[in-house]
N, C-alpha and C. Protein backbone atom coordinates (compact mmCIF):
# COMPACT_ATOMS: atom_id res chain seq x y z
N MET A 1 -58.53 -22.77 -155.26
CA MET A 1 -59.70 -21.76 -154.59
C MET A 1 -59.48 -21.51 -153.15
N ASN A 2 -59.78 -20.36 -152.82
CA ASN A 2 -59.40 -19.70 -151.80
C ASN A 2 -60.86 -19.33 -150.92
N ALA A 3 -61.08 -20.14 -149.94
CA ALA A 3 -62.60 -19.48 -149.70
C ALA A 3 -62.41 -18.57 -148.61
N GLU A 4 -63.38 -17.53 -148.72
CA GLU A 4 -63.05 -16.29 -147.49
C GLU A 4 -63.94 -16.66 -146.51
N ALA A 5 -65.16 -17.35 -146.31
CA ALA A 5 -65.92 -17.51 -145.46
C ALA A 5 -66.93 -18.42 -145.67
N ILE A 6 -67.55 -19.13 -144.74
CA ILE A 6 -69.00 -19.86 -144.87
C ILE A 6 -70.02 -18.90 -144.93
N ASP A 7 -70.56 -18.53 -146.24
CA ASP A 7 -71.85 -17.44 -146.64
C ASP A 7 -73.05 -18.14 -145.84
N HIS A 8 -73.38 -19.08 -145.53
CA HIS A 8 -74.50 -19.55 -145.04
C HIS A 8 -74.65 -21.12 -144.43
N VAL A 9 -75.22 -21.32 -143.48
CA VAL A 9 -75.94 -22.84 -143.16
C VAL A 9 -77.06 -23.02 -143.14
N ASN A 10 -77.75 -24.09 -143.58
CA ASN A 10 -79.53 -24.03 -143.42
C ASN A 10 -79.56 -25.16 -142.68
N VAL A 11 -80.51 -24.57 -142.25
CA VAL A 11 -80.79 -25.45 -141.09
C VAL A 11 -82.68 -25.83 -140.84
N ARG A 12 -82.97 -27.02 -140.90
CA ARG A 12 -84.27 -27.31 -140.64
C ARG A 12 -84.76 -27.40 -139.33
N VAL A 13 -86.23 -26.89 -139.30
CA VAL A 13 -86.58 -26.88 -138.03
C VAL A 13 -88.07 -27.01 -137.96
N PRO A 14 -88.69 -27.74 -136.93
CA PRO A 14 -89.94 -28.04 -137.07
C PRO A 14 -90.96 -26.81 -136.93
N GLU A 15 -91.96 -26.75 -137.90
CA GLU A 15 -92.78 -25.47 -137.85
C GLU A 15 -93.30 -25.32 -136.48
N SER A 16 -93.65 -26.51 -135.62
CA SER A 16 -94.24 -26.15 -134.46
C SER A 16 -93.18 -25.49 -133.45
N GLY A 17 -92.04 -25.31 -133.94
CA GLY A 17 -91.18 -24.67 -132.84
C GLY A 17 -90.30 -23.41 -133.71
N VAL A 18 -90.88 -22.72 -134.65
CA VAL A 18 -90.48 -21.54 -135.12
C VAL A 18 -90.53 -20.66 -133.93
N GLU A 19 -91.53 -20.21 -133.14
CA GLU A 19 -91.51 -19.22 -132.59
C GLU A 19 -90.59 -19.35 -131.41
N GLU A 20 -90.31 -20.71 -130.76
CA GLU A 20 -89.45 -20.81 -129.89
C GLU A 20 -87.70 -20.29 -130.16
N PHE A 21 -87.48 -21.04 -131.71
CA PHE A 21 -86.25 -20.84 -132.63
C PHE A 21 -85.97 -19.21 -132.45
N VAL A 22 -87.27 -18.36 -133.22
CA VAL A 22 -87.01 -17.14 -133.03
C VAL A 22 -86.71 -16.31 -131.84
N ALA A 23 -87.59 -16.69 -130.89
CA ALA A 23 -87.04 -16.29 -129.48
C ALA A 23 -85.64 -16.28 -129.14
N PHE A 24 -85.07 -17.47 -129.21
CA PHE A 24 -83.78 -17.85 -128.74
C PHE A 24 -82.95 -16.78 -129.36
N TYR A 25 -82.83 -17.10 -130.74
CA TYR A 25 -81.99 -16.22 -131.42
C TYR A 25 -82.14 -14.76 -131.46
N ARG A 26 -83.21 -14.16 -131.73
CA ARG A 26 -83.40 -12.88 -131.88
C ARG A 26 -83.89 -12.35 -130.34
N ASP A 27 -84.78 -12.96 -129.73
CA ASP A 27 -84.76 -12.46 -128.31
C ASP A 27 -83.98 -12.31 -127.33
N HIS A 28 -83.09 -13.57 -127.27
CA HIS A 28 -82.60 -13.76 -126.03
C HIS A 28 -80.94 -13.34 -126.57
N MET A 29 -80.53 -14.04 -127.96
CA MET A 29 -79.16 -13.85 -128.23
C MET A 29 -78.83 -12.42 -129.18
N GLY A 30 -80.00 -11.89 -129.55
CA GLY A 30 -79.82 -10.47 -130.29
C GLY A 30 -79.41 -10.63 -131.79
N PHE A 31 -79.67 -11.61 -132.11
CA PHE A 31 -79.66 -11.35 -133.83
C PHE A 31 -80.54 -11.00 -134.54
N ASP A 32 -80.48 -10.46 -135.51
CA ASP A 32 -81.62 -9.89 -136.47
C ASP A 32 -82.06 -10.87 -137.52
N LEU A 33 -83.12 -10.74 -137.71
CA LEU A 33 -83.90 -11.74 -138.61
C LEU A 33 -84.18 -10.86 -140.11
N GLU A 34 -84.21 -11.62 -141.02
CA GLU A 34 -84.45 -11.28 -142.29
C GLU A 34 -85.27 -12.00 -143.15
N TYR A 35 -86.59 -11.62 -143.48
CA TYR A 35 -87.66 -12.11 -144.47
C TYR A 35 -88.70 -12.92 -143.54
N TYR A 36 -88.35 -12.76 -142.27
CA TYR A 36 -89.27 -13.18 -141.36
C TYR A 36 -90.97 -13.35 -141.68
N ASP A 37 -90.92 -11.55 -141.86
CA ASP A 37 -92.59 -11.05 -142.05
C ASP A 37 -92.84 -11.81 -143.47
N ALA A 38 -92.02 -12.12 -144.41
CA ALA A 38 -92.45 -12.61 -145.63
C ALA A 38 -92.64 -14.43 -145.44
N TYR A 39 -92.20 -14.76 -144.56
CA TYR A 39 -92.07 -16.34 -144.18
C TYR A 39 -93.53 -16.35 -143.28
N GLN A 40 -93.82 -15.37 -142.71
CA GLN A 40 -94.99 -15.55 -141.63
C GLN A 40 -96.29 -15.40 -142.55
N SER A 41 -96.18 -14.68 -143.38
CA SER A 41 -97.12 -14.31 -144.61
C SER A 41 -97.43 -15.35 -145.81
N GLY A 42 -96.61 -16.47 -145.76
CA GLY A 42 -96.50 -17.36 -146.93
C GLY A 42 -95.96 -16.84 -147.99
N GLU A 43 -95.29 -15.61 -148.27
CA GLU A 43 -94.98 -15.20 -149.28
C GLU A 43 -93.13 -16.20 -149.66
N ARG A 44 -92.94 -16.74 -148.53
CA ARG A 44 -91.48 -17.34 -148.72
C ARG A 44 -91.43 -18.46 -147.86
N GLY A 45 -90.87 -19.68 -148.08
CA GLY A 45 -90.66 -20.83 -147.26
C GLY A 45 -89.68 -20.80 -146.24
N PHE A 46 -88.89 -19.81 -146.10
CA PHE A 46 -87.58 -19.75 -145.36
C PHE A 46 -87.39 -18.59 -144.82
N PHE A 47 -86.65 -18.04 -143.83
CA PHE A 47 -86.16 -16.84 -143.37
C PHE A 47 -84.44 -16.90 -143.13
N TYR A 48 -84.09 -16.01 -142.59
CA TYR A 48 -82.70 -16.05 -142.37
C TYR A 48 -82.33 -15.29 -140.65
N VAL A 49 -81.36 -15.64 -140.15
CA VAL A 49 -80.92 -15.28 -139.06
C VAL A 49 -79.43 -14.69 -139.38
N ARG A 50 -79.61 -13.35 -139.06
CA ARG A 50 -78.16 -12.66 -139.73
C ARG A 50 -77.24 -12.66 -138.49
N LEU A 51 -76.21 -13.55 -138.68
CA LEU A 51 -75.14 -13.72 -137.68
C LEU A 51 -74.17 -13.02 -137.60
N GLY A 52 -73.92 -12.15 -138.98
CA GLY A 52 -72.77 -11.26 -139.08
C GLY A 52 -72.84 -10.35 -140.41
N GLU A 53 -72.30 -9.75 -140.85
CA GLU A 53 -72.05 -8.88 -142.16
C GLU A 53 -71.88 -9.92 -143.21
N SER A 54 -71.40 -11.33 -142.94
CA SER A 54 -71.10 -12.07 -144.39
C SER A 54 -71.63 -13.59 -144.24
N CYS A 55 -72.24 -13.80 -142.92
CA CYS A 55 -72.69 -15.15 -142.32
C CYS A 55 -74.30 -15.32 -142.05
N ILE A 56 -74.90 -16.11 -142.64
CA ILE A 56 -76.46 -16.09 -142.15
C ILE A 56 -76.88 -17.42 -141.78
N LEU A 57 -77.71 -17.90 -141.19
CA LEU A 57 -78.37 -19.17 -141.06
C LEU A 57 -79.85 -19.00 -141.90
N HIS A 58 -79.81 -20.11 -143.00
CA HIS A 58 -81.12 -20.26 -143.79
C HIS A 58 -82.01 -21.16 -142.63
N VAL A 59 -83.12 -20.65 -142.20
CA VAL A 59 -84.13 -21.48 -141.50
C VAL A 59 -85.15 -21.64 -142.11
N SER A 60 -85.38 -23.25 -142.41
CA SER A 60 -86.03 -23.66 -143.37
C SER A 60 -87.36 -24.52 -142.66
N PRO A 61 -88.28 -24.08 -142.15
CA PRO A 61 -89.20 -24.72 -141.33
C PRO A 61 -90.00 -26.00 -142.30
N ARG A 62 -90.11 -27.18 -141.47
CA ARG A 62 -90.53 -28.14 -141.91
C ARG A 62 -91.90 -28.73 -141.26
N GLU A 63 -92.80 -29.47 -141.58
CA GLU A 63 -93.96 -29.90 -140.90
C GLU A 63 -93.08 -31.18 -140.04
N SER A 64 -92.18 -31.79 -140.36
CA SER A 64 -91.24 -33.02 -139.87
C SER A 64 -90.00 -33.04 -139.99
N VAL A 65 -89.17 -32.61 -139.20
CA VAL A 65 -87.72 -32.56 -139.28
C VAL A 65 -87.15 -33.89 -137.98
N PRO A 66 -86.06 -34.65 -138.56
CA PRO A 66 -85.57 -35.39 -137.80
C PRO A 66 -84.61 -35.05 -136.44
N GLU A 67 -84.55 -35.33 -135.72
CA GLU A 67 -84.11 -34.72 -134.48
C GLU A 67 -82.35 -34.95 -134.70
N PRO A 68 -81.88 -33.89 -134.70
CA PRO A 68 -80.28 -33.81 -134.72
C PRO A 68 -79.58 -34.87 -133.62
N THR A 69 -79.07 -35.80 -134.28
CA THR A 69 -78.37 -36.72 -132.73
C THR A 69 -76.71 -36.27 -132.72
N GLY A 70 -76.17 -35.36 -133.89
CA GLY A 70 -74.91 -35.34 -133.53
C GLY A 70 -73.92 -36.45 -134.39
N GLU A 71 -74.57 -37.31 -134.95
CA GLU A 71 -73.98 -38.46 -135.56
C GLU A 71 -73.55 -37.94 -136.85
N ASN A 72 -74.14 -37.03 -137.41
CA ASN A 72 -73.93 -36.79 -139.03
C ASN A 72 -73.60 -35.11 -139.22
N PHE A 73 -73.99 -34.61 -138.18
CA PHE A 73 -73.70 -33.03 -138.01
C PHE A 73 -73.47 -32.76 -136.31
N ASN A 74 -72.42 -32.50 -136.26
CA ASN A 74 -72.04 -32.31 -134.69
C ASN A 74 -72.45 -30.70 -134.09
N HIS A 75 -72.07 -29.60 -134.80
CA HIS A 75 -72.52 -28.35 -134.42
C HIS A 75 -71.95 -27.29 -135.24
N PHE A 76 -72.23 -26.33 -135.00
CA PHE A 76 -71.73 -24.96 -135.90
C PHE A 76 -70.99 -24.00 -135.01
N ALA A 77 -70.26 -23.17 -135.06
CA ALA A 77 -69.58 -22.31 -134.27
C ALA A 77 -69.83 -20.79 -134.82
N VAL A 78 -70.31 -19.86 -133.91
CA VAL A 78 -70.53 -18.74 -134.12
C VAL A 78 -69.47 -17.69 -133.45
N LEU A 79 -68.67 -16.84 -133.81
CA LEU A 79 -68.00 -15.86 -133.42
C LEU A 79 -68.31 -14.42 -133.13
N VAL A 80 -68.65 -14.46 -131.83
CA VAL A 80 -69.16 -13.19 -131.26
C VAL A 80 -68.49 -11.83 -130.75
N ASP A 81 -68.88 -10.54 -131.04
CA ASP A 81 -67.95 -9.53 -131.20
C ASP A 81 -68.30 -9.07 -129.35
N GLU A 82 -68.75 -9.93 -128.31
CA GLU A 82 -68.92 -9.63 -127.07
C GLU A 82 -68.28 -10.44 -126.31
N PRO A 83 -67.66 -10.18 -124.94
CA PRO A 83 -67.39 -11.16 -124.00
C PRO A 83 -67.99 -12.22 -123.90
N LEU A 84 -67.33 -13.28 -123.66
CA LEU A 84 -67.96 -14.62 -123.27
C LEU A 84 -68.79 -14.38 -122.24
N SER A 85 -68.57 -13.48 -121.06
CA SER A 85 -69.40 -13.49 -119.94
C SER A 85 -70.66 -12.66 -120.19
N ALA A 86 -70.74 -11.85 -121.40
CA ALA A 86 -71.63 -11.28 -121.64
C ALA A 86 -72.96 -12.15 -122.45
N VAL A 87 -72.28 -13.18 -123.24
CA VAL A 87 -72.91 -14.57 -123.95
C VAL A 87 -73.45 -15.34 -122.70
N THR A 88 -73.01 -15.55 -121.53
CA THR A 88 -73.19 -16.63 -120.25
C THR A 88 -74.39 -15.94 -119.94
N ASP A 89 -74.27 -14.41 -119.73
CA ASP A 89 -75.37 -13.87 -119.37
C ASP A 89 -76.63 -13.86 -119.78
N ARG A 90 -76.80 -13.80 -121.24
CA ARG A 90 -77.62 -13.72 -122.18
C ARG A 90 -78.21 -15.08 -122.13
N LEU A 91 -77.31 -16.52 -121.92
CA LEU A 91 -78.01 -17.63 -121.74
C LEU A 91 -78.55 -18.01 -120.65
N ASP A 92 -78.34 -17.34 -119.43
CA ASP A 92 -78.75 -17.37 -118.12
C ASP A 92 -80.21 -16.93 -118.32
N GLU A 93 -80.12 -15.60 -118.62
CA GLU A 93 -81.60 -14.97 -118.70
C GLU A 93 -82.38 -15.65 -119.50
N ALA A 94 -81.99 -16.34 -120.20
CA ALA A 94 -83.05 -17.01 -121.30
C ALA A 94 -83.29 -18.52 -120.85
N GLY A 95 -82.40 -18.80 -119.97
CA GLY A 95 -82.76 -20.14 -119.16
C GLY A 95 -82.12 -21.39 -119.96
N VAL A 96 -81.24 -20.93 -120.79
CA VAL A 96 -80.38 -22.22 -121.51
C VAL A 96 -79.24 -22.60 -120.98
N GLU A 97 -79.26 -24.04 -120.78
CA GLU A 97 -78.40 -24.52 -120.08
C GLU A 97 -77.00 -24.91 -120.77
N ILE A 98 -76.06 -24.28 -120.22
CA ILE A 98 -74.65 -24.34 -121.11
C ILE A 98 -74.10 -25.82 -120.96
N GLN A 99 -74.23 -26.51 -121.68
CA GLN A 99 -73.35 -27.98 -122.20
C GLN A 99 -71.84 -27.94 -121.40
N THR A 100 -71.25 -27.11 -122.42
CA THR A 100 -69.58 -27.10 -122.18
C THR A 100 -69.39 -25.62 -122.18
N GLU A 101 -67.70 -25.59 -121.25
CA GLU A 101 -67.62 -24.19 -121.51
C GLU A 101 -66.09 -24.38 -121.49
N ALA A 102 -65.24 -23.99 -122.68
CA ALA A 102 -63.90 -24.47 -122.81
C ALA A 102 -63.12 -23.48 -123.42
N VAL A 103 -62.12 -23.81 -124.20
CA VAL A 103 -61.24 -22.91 -125.14
C VAL A 103 -60.77 -24.02 -125.79
N ARG A 104 -61.39 -23.73 -127.23
CA ARG A 104 -60.95 -24.85 -128.29
C ARG A 104 -60.68 -23.87 -129.73
N GLU A 105 -59.74 -24.57 -130.39
CA GLU A 105 -59.35 -24.17 -131.51
C GLU A 105 -60.71 -24.15 -132.58
N GLY A 106 -60.42 -23.26 -133.64
CA GLY A 106 -61.06 -22.93 -134.72
C GLY A 106 -60.51 -22.03 -135.84
N ALA A 107 -61.01 -21.37 -136.69
CA ALA A 107 -60.48 -20.67 -137.92
C ALA A 107 -59.57 -19.57 -137.20
N VAL A 108 -59.92 -18.93 -136.26
CA VAL A 108 -58.86 -17.78 -135.75
C VAL A 108 -58.11 -18.41 -134.44
N GLY A 109 -58.03 -19.56 -134.32
CA GLY A 109 -57.20 -19.85 -133.13
C GLY A 109 -57.99 -20.18 -132.01
N GLU A 110 -57.36 -20.47 -130.75
CA GLU A 110 -57.83 -21.00 -129.59
C GLU A 110 -58.68 -19.78 -128.93
N LEU A 111 -60.06 -19.84 -128.84
CA LEU A 111 -60.85 -19.03 -128.00
C LEU A 111 -61.54 -19.69 -127.16
N PRO A 112 -61.97 -18.73 -125.83
CA PRO A 112 -63.09 -19.20 -125.02
C PRO A 112 -64.45 -19.38 -125.92
N CYS A 113 -65.20 -20.61 -125.50
CA CYS A 113 -66.17 -20.65 -126.13
C CYS A 113 -67.37 -21.51 -124.69
N VAL A 114 -68.46 -21.55 -125.29
CA VAL A 114 -69.61 -22.18 -124.56
C VAL A 114 -70.35 -22.96 -125.82
N TYR A 115 -70.50 -24.08 -125.50
CA TYR A 115 -71.79 -25.08 -126.39
C TYR A 115 -73.19 -24.90 -125.31
N VAL A 116 -74.12 -24.72 -126.36
CA VAL A 116 -75.47 -24.98 -125.73
C VAL A 116 -76.36 -25.83 -127.10
N GLU A 117 -77.50 -25.95 -126.50
CA GLU A 117 -78.45 -26.39 -127.70
C GLU A 117 -79.45 -25.69 -128.05
N ASP A 118 -79.73 -25.36 -129.02
CA ASP A 118 -80.98 -24.57 -129.57
C ASP A 118 -82.16 -24.87 -129.44
N PRO A 119 -83.34 -24.19 -129.55
CA PRO A 119 -84.68 -24.65 -129.26
C PRO A 119 -84.85 -26.10 -130.36
N ALA A 120 -84.28 -26.12 -131.70
CA ALA A 120 -84.50 -26.99 -132.68
C ALA A 120 -83.66 -28.22 -132.61
N GLY A 121 -82.60 -28.39 -131.48
CA GLY A 121 -81.76 -29.49 -131.15
C GLY A 121 -80.72 -29.47 -131.43
N TYR A 122 -80.16 -28.55 -132.44
CA TYR A 122 -78.61 -28.17 -132.82
C TYR A 122 -77.87 -27.70 -131.83
N THR A 123 -76.74 -28.22 -131.88
CA THR A 123 -75.56 -27.90 -130.87
C THR A 123 -74.97 -26.38 -131.43
N VAL A 124 -75.04 -25.53 -130.80
CA VAL A 124 -74.15 -24.35 -131.07
C VAL A 124 -73.15 -24.01 -130.34
N GLU A 125 -71.98 -23.75 -130.68
CA GLU A 125 -70.63 -22.98 -129.80
C GLU A 125 -70.54 -21.75 -129.97
N PHE A 126 -70.94 -20.92 -129.11
CA PHE A 126 -70.60 -19.91 -129.23
C PHE A 126 -69.12 -19.15 -128.87
N LYS A 127 -68.15 -18.48 -129.76
CA LYS A 127 -66.76 -18.19 -129.17
C LYS A 127 -66.81 -16.74 -129.11
N SER A 128 -65.92 -16.20 -128.31
CA SER A 128 -65.57 -14.85 -128.14
C SER A 128 -64.09 -14.88 -127.94
N ARG A 129 -63.33 -13.70 -128.46
CA ARG A 129 -62.12 -13.47 -128.38
C ARG A 129 -61.66 -12.90 -126.74
N SER A 130 -62.95 -12.69 -126.15
CA SER A 130 -62.66 -12.33 -124.63
C SER A 130 -63.59 -13.17 -123.67
N ALA A 131 -62.79 -13.71 -122.70
CA ALA A 131 -63.33 -14.12 -121.86
C ALA A 131 -64.17 -13.38 -120.45
N ASP A 132 -63.94 -12.21 -120.53
CA ASP A 132 -64.63 -11.39 -119.57
C ASP A 132 -65.68 -10.65 -120.31
């Protein structure tokens, strides 16, 4: 079997933090949401954050969600099509602290990246093919 890509990752977030989660991914980072209106109206129990043409986050809000500790799930990485400096500008504007800035290996080789914690406590690695 040859996998083409990871299709989606399902993350559970506290219902009380959905607005902050949406603000981070949609408003600050610029990702599109899918089915968010249907989630808000109660028609669906989850919605999507579109990360790219072939990858989404399934966002499953729950009344109670254990805090991510990094012991079972460490992070997920998102390859973006803009310079890393643009990503760090977005994060600065959103008031998000960068935990680590580095060059790390991944599926497409060694690339510059930053690690941040999203509003639900998940560590996200944003990678770019360009540091500038």
